[in-house]
């Protein structure tokens, strides 16, 4: 895992957004926000590049609104 400050901040940011999506999806009974929330909480463990983290996080954040 990459421990530079920007990657750590992005991990916390996307994790918080993921938790909100997961809570919203569970409360509303919708699958897509819940899956995006799980993905947002889990993907920083597997991606170490800061730019890749931004791109994947932005895509997962936008996915419930686009799909």
Protein backbone atom coordinates (compact mmCIF):
# COMPACT_ATOMS: atom_id res chain seq x y z
CA UNK A 1 0.00 0.00 0.00
CA UNK A 2 1.27 3.44 -0.93
CA UNK A 3 1.65 5.65 2.12
CA UNK A 4 2.17 9.08 0.62
CA UNK A 5 -0.12 11.78 2.02
CA UNK A 6 -2.17 12.28 -1.13
CA UNK A 7 -2.97 8.55 -1.46
CA UNK A 8 -3.92 8.40 2.22
CA UNK A 9 -6.21 11.42 1.91
CA UNK A 10 -7.85 10.01 -1.23
CA UNK A 11 -8.38 6.66 0.50
CA UNK A 12 -10.16 8.36 3.40
CA UNK A 13 -12.21 10.55 1.06
CA UNK A 14 -13.38 7.73 -1.21
CA UNK A 15 -13.96 5.48 1.81
CA UNK A 16 -16.27 8.08 3.35
CA UNK A 17 -18.16 8.49 0.09
CA UNK A 18 -18.38 4.71 -0.17
CA UNK A 19 -19.82 4.41 3.32
CA UNK A 20 -22.46 7.02 2.45
CA UNK A 21 -23.36 5.20 -0.78
CA UNK A 22 -23.56 1.88 1.05
CA UNK A 23 -25.84 3.32 3.75
CA UNK A 24 -28.04 4.99 1.12
CA UNK A 25 -28.28 1.85 -1.01
CA UNK A 26 -29.12 -0.30 2.00
CA UNK A 27 -31.73 2.14 3.30
CA UNK A 28 -33.42 2.58 -0.09
CA UNK A 29 -33.07 -1.06 -1.10
CA UNK A 30 -31.14 -0.18 -4.25
CA UNK A 31 -28.34 -2.42 -5.45
CA UNK A 32 -26.23 -0.06 -7.58
CA UNK A 33 -25.39 2.52 -4.87
CA UNK A 34 -24.63 -0.30 -2.42
CA UNK A 35 -22.26 -2.00 -4.86
CA UNK A 36 -20.57 1.30 -5.68
CA UNK A 37 -20.17 1.93 -1.96
CA UNK A 38 -18.51 -1.44 -1.44
CA UNK A 39 -16.25 -0.77 -4.40
CA UNK A 40 -15.29 2.67 -3.12
CA UNK A 41 -14.42 1.26 0.30
CA UNK A 42 -12.35 -1.61 -1.12
CA UNK A 43 -10.48 -0.32 -4.17
CA UNK A 44 -7.82 1.78 -2.35
CA UNK A 45 -6.37 -1.45 -0.96
CA UNK A 46 -5.54 -2.64 -4.47
CA UNK A 47 -4.48 0.55 -6.28
CA UNK A 48 -1.32 2.34 -5.23
CA UNK A 49 -0.99 4.98 -7.96
CA UNK A 50 -2.50 8.33 -7.02
CA UNK A 51 -3.74 9.12 -10.52
CA UNK A 52 -5.26 5.68 -10.96
CA UNK A 53 -6.95 6.07 -7.58
CA UNK A 54 -8.48 9.37 -8.68
CA UNK A 55 -9.75 7.89 -11.95
CA UNK A 56 -11.22 4.73 -10.44
CA UNK A 57 -12.71 6.65 -7.51
CA UNK A 58 -14.32 9.20 -9.81
CA UNK A 59 -15.74 6.44 -12.01
CA UNK A 60 -17.18 4.55 -9.04
CA UNK A 61 -18.58 7.76 -7.57
CA UNK A 62 -20.34 8.62 -10.83
CA UNK A 63 -21.53 5.06 -11.60
CA UNK A 64 -24.80 5.13 -9.60
CA UNK A 65 -25.85 8.34 -11.35
CA UNK A 66 -24.91 7.12 -14.85
CA UNK A 67 -26.18 3.53 -14.70
